[in-house]
Amino acid sequence: MTAQVQAIKAAGAKFIALTGTPTQAASAVSIAEAQGFDATFLGSNPTFVPSLLAGPAKVALQKRYFLVGSSSPYAGDSPGATSLRTEYAAAYPQDTPNAGVDYGYGQGEIMYQILNAACSSGSLERASLLKAFQKLTSVDTMGLIAPLDYSHPGQPPAREVYVAAADSTVQGGLKVVAPLFASTLATSYKCPCL
């Protein structure tokens, strides 16, 4: 990642949005730190795992890295994250948790709401599932995942994101630094592909 980070630094960037593997993200952030490159890295969902904070990238990540995503980190303080954390710790006390716990459980909640809507309509056939899915205007997972509106096919169902910082002192390694919010651009965006 050295050549890429040097090129970004030479271009004068101060904020870098990245998607890649956790090791690639850790490498980029660490190289920037080693070069004295005062940049902030905004990673998407696949760019972080808590084990990175047990290695040499810890200091750089805690200084320069933020994860932006529509699902709560494990240490989140939404009602859904708080409840899930308590239940998960009781059921799996030996496991090392991460944000995938919240995301996976939230996905299960979404599927339940889709199936429940289809059952209420009287059919679980494919066409009925799709119809029920596209009628959902406010899927609430109690903050595990941003509120979802599936009633506008082709448009993003979620407009809000969390911002989390790498933090070795919290379970899951990510601490919420900005609760769910949406920028003006995100709320007004219309997919041009329709």
Protein backbone atom coordinates (compact mmCIF):
# COMPACT_ATOMS: atom_id res chain seq x y z
CA MET A 1 0.00 0.00 0.00
CA THR A 2 3.04 2.30 0.18
CA ALA A 3 2.82 3.53 -3.43
CA GLN A 4 -0.91 4.17 -3.15
CA VAL A 5 -0.58 6.10 0.11
CA GLN A 6 2.31 8.16 -1.29
CA ALA A 7 0.24 9.02 -4.39
CA ILE A 8 -2.73 10.08 -2.26
CA LYS A 9 -0.45 12.18 -0.05
CA ALA A 10 1.14 13.81 -3.11
CA ALA A 11 -2.33 14.69 -4.42
CA GLY A 12 -3.00 16.64 -1.21
CA ALA A 13 -5.85 14.53 0.11
CA LYS A 14 -6.73 14.79 3.78
CA PHE A 15 -9.69 12.37 3.86
CA ILE A 16 -9.53 8.94 2.27
CA ALA A 17 -12.54 6.67 1.76
CA LEU A 18 -11.48 3.08 1.47
CA THR A 19 -12.93 -0.34 0.97
CA GLY A 20 -10.75 -3.40 1.10
CA THR A 21 -9.70 -6.12 3.47
CA PRO A 22 -8.94 -5.28 7.09
CA THR A 23 -5.23 -5.94 6.54
CA GLN A 24 -5.17 -3.59 3.54
CA ALA A 25 -6.88 -0.86 5.58
CA ALA A 26 -4.50 -1.36 8.50
CA SER A 27 -1.55 -1.23 6.14
CA ALA A 28 -2.68 2.01 4.49
CA VAL A 29 -3.38 3.71 7.81
CA SER A 30 -0.08 2.51 9.30
CA ILE A 31 1.91 3.69 6.29
CA ALA A 32 0.27 7.11 6.48
CA GLU A 33 1.14 7.35 10.16
CA ALA A 34 4.75 6.27 9.56
CA GLN A 35 5.12 8.90 6.81
CA GLY A 36 3.68 11.67 8.98
CA PHE A 37 0.74 11.95 6.57
CA ASP A 38 -1.98 13.75 8.54
CA ALA A 39 -4.98 12.05 6.94
CA THR A 40 -8.25 10.60 8.15
CA PHE A 41 -9.34 7.24 6.76
CA LEU A 42 -13.04 6.42 6.43
CA GLY A 43 -13.54 2.72 5.99
CA SER A 44 -16.66 0.84 4.93
CA ASN A 45 -17.89 -2.35 6.55
CA PRO A 46 -15.28 -4.90 5.40
CA THR A 47 -12.24 -2.81 6.41
CA PHE A 48 -12.08 -3.64 10.12
CA VAL A 49 -11.75 -6.57 12.51
CA PRO A 50 -11.01 -6.14 16.22
CA SER A 51 -7.86 -8.28 16.04
CA LEU A 52 -6.14 -5.39 14.21
CA LEU A 53 -5.99 -3.60 17.56
CA ALA A 54 -3.80 -6.35 18.99
CA GLY A 55 -1.11 -5.74 16.38
CA PRO A 56 1.29 -3.03 15.20
CA ALA A 57 -1.47 -0.99 13.50
CA LYS A 58 -3.22 -0.24 16.80
CA VAL A 59 -1.87 3.27 17.37
CA ALA A 60 -2.38 4.40 13.78
CA LEU A 61 -5.91 2.98 13.61
CA GLN A 62 -6.96 4.61 16.88
CA LYS A 63 -5.59 7.93 15.63
CA ARG A 64 -6.64 7.98 11.96
CA TYR A 65 -9.36 5.38 11.23
CA PHE A 66 -13.16 5.61 11.35
CA LEU A 67 -15.70 3.09 10.13
CA VAL A 68 -18.84 4.46 8.48
CA GLY A 69 -21.76 2.08 8.07
CA SER A 70 -25.47 1.60 8.46
CA SER A 71 -25.14 -1.09 11.14
CA SER A 72 -24.20 -0.65 14.77
CA PRO A 73 -20.83 -1.70 16.13
CA TYR A 74 -20.94 -4.29 18.92
CA ALA A 75 -20.33 -1.59 21.56
CA GLY A 76 -23.16 0.58 20.19
CA ASP A 77 -25.64 2.13 22.58
CA SER A 78 -28.89 1.75 20.63
CA PRO A 79 -31.60 -0.31 22.36
CA GLY A 80 -31.08 -3.19 19.92
CA ALA A 81 -27.29 -3.22 20.35
CA THR A 82 -27.51 -2.99 24.14
CA SER A 83 -30.02 -5.85 24.38
CA LEU A 84 -28.15 -8.02 21.88
CA ARG A 85 -24.81 -7.46 23.63
CA THR A 86 -26.27 -8.67 26.95
CA GLU A 87 -27.88 -11.74 25.39
CA TYR A 88 -24.85 -12.58 23.24
CA ALA A 89 -22.42 -12.36 26.17
CA ALA A 90 -24.64 -14.69 28.21
CA ALA A 91 -24.97 -17.22 25.37
CA TYR A 92 -21.38 -17.08 24.08
CA PRO A 93 -19.12 -15.95 26.94
CA GLN A 94 -15.96 -17.39 25.32
CA ASP A 95 -16.42 -15.69 21.94
CA THR A 96 -14.68 -12.51 20.86
CA PRO A 97 -17.50 -10.32 19.55
CA ASN A 98 -17.38 -7.94 16.61
CA ALA A 99 -19.79 -5.80 14.57
CA GLY A 100 -20.83 -8.86 12.58
CA VAL A 101 -22.92 -9.96 15.57
CA ASP A 102 -25.12 -6.86 15.32
CA TYR A 103 -25.24 -6.94 11.53
CA GLY A 104 -26.17 -10.63 11.37
CA TYR A 105 -28.87 -10.34 14.01
CA GLY A 106 -30.22 -7.21 12.34
CA GLN A 107 -30.44 -9.07 9.00
CA GLY A 108 -32.41 -11.80 10.74
CA GLU A 109 -34.82 -9.18 12.11
CA ILE A 110 -35.28 -7.75 8.61
CA MET A 111 -36.03 -11.20 7.17
CA TYR A 112 -38.52 -11.82 9.98
CA GLN A 113 -40.37 -8.61 9.12
CA ILE A 114 -40.49 -9.53 5.43
CA LEU A 115 -41.79 -13.03 6.18
CA ASN A 116 -44.28 -11.70 8.72
CA ALA A 117 -45.66 -9.20 6.18
CA ALA A 118 -45.99 -11.97 3.56
CA CYS A 119 -47.71 -14.31 6.05
CA SER A 120 -50.14 -11.52 6.96
CA SER A 121 -50.96 -11.23 3.26
CA GLY A 122 -51.69 -14.96 3.12
CA SER A 123 -48.87 -16.34 0.95
CA LEU A 124 -45.18 -17.18 1.11
CA GLU A 125 -44.82 -17.65 -2.65
CA ARG A 126 -41.99 -15.73 -4.32
CA ALA A 127 -44.25 -13.08 -5.85
CA SER A 128 -45.99 -12.55 -2.50
CA LEU A 129 -42.65 -12.20 -0.69
CA LEU A 130 -41.53 -9.57 -3.19
CA LYS A 131 -44.80 -7.69 -2.89
CA ALA A 132 -44.65 -7.77 0.93
CA PHE A 133 -41.00 -6.70 0.84
CA GLN A 134 -41.76 -3.70 -1.37
CA LYS A 135 -44.56 -2.56 0.94
CA LEU A 136 -42.22 -2.22 3.94
CA THR A 137 -41.74 1.50 4.56
CA SER A 138 -40.25 1.47 8.05
CA VAL A 139 -38.24 -1.58 9.04
CA ASP A 140 -37.03 -1.00 12.60
CA THR A 141 -34.28 -3.14 14.15
CA MET A 142 -33.98 -0.95 17.27
CA GLY A 143 -30.78 0.60 15.97
CA LEU A 144 -28.92 -2.55 14.94
CA ILE A 145 -29.27 -1.33 11.35
CA ALA A 146 -30.46 2.09 10.17
CA PRO A 147 -34.21 2.36 9.52
CA LEU A 148 -35.07 0.84 6.17
CA ASP A 149 -37.66 1.72 3.52
CA TYR A 150 -38.01 -0.90 0.79
CA SER A 151 -41.02 0.73 -0.89
CA HIS A 152 -38.96 2.52 -3.57
CA PRO A 153 -37.28 -0.21 -5.67
CA GLY A 154 -33.94 0.88 -7.05
CA GLN A 155 -33.34 3.45 -4.32
CA PRO A 156 -31.20 2.98 -1.21
CA PRO A 157 -33.36 1.53 1.57
CA ALA A 158 -31.23 3.17 4.28
CA ARG A 159 -30.01 6.74 4.26
CA GLU A 160 -28.41 6.97 7.71
CA VAL A 161 -25.04 5.78 8.98
CA TYR A 162 -23.10 5.42 12.20
CA VAL A 163 -19.55 6.68 12.54
CA ALA A 164 -17.34 4.55 14.78
CA ALA A 165 -13.73 4.97 15.83
CA ALA A 166 -11.22 2.20 16.42
CA ASP A 167 -10.92 1.79 20.19
CA SER A 168 -9.18 -1.11 21.92
CA THR A 169 -10.96 -0.38 25.22
CA VAL A 170 -14.43 -1.41 24.00
CA GLN A 171 -15.74 -4.84 23.07
CA GLY A 172 -15.65 -5.32 19.33
CA GLY A 173 -12.99 -2.63 18.91
CA LEU A 174 -15.29 0.10 17.59
CA LYS A 175 -16.83 2.95 19.58
CA VAL A 176 -19.73 4.99 18.20
CA VAL A 177 -18.64 8.62 17.82
CA ALA A 178 -21.69 9.76 15.82
CA PRO A 179 -25.12 8.13 16.18
CA LEU A 180 -27.28 7.43 13.14
CA PHE A 181 -27.47 10.48 10.90
CA ALA A 182 -27.92 11.31 7.24
CA SER A 183 -26.33 14.11 5.28
CA THR A 184 -28.42 16.36 3.04
CA LEU A 185 -26.88 14.62 0.03
CA ALA A 186 -27.84 11.18 1.37
CA THR A 187 -31.44 12.14 2.06
CA SER A 188 -31.96 13.72 -1.35
CA TYR A 189 -30.05 11.19 -3.49
CA LYS A 190 -32.02 9.54 -6.29
CA CYS A 191 -30.49 6.64 -8.16
CA PRO A 192 -29.97 7.75 -11.80
CA CYS A 193 -30.23 4.16 -13.00
CA LEU A 194 -34.03 4.14 -12.93
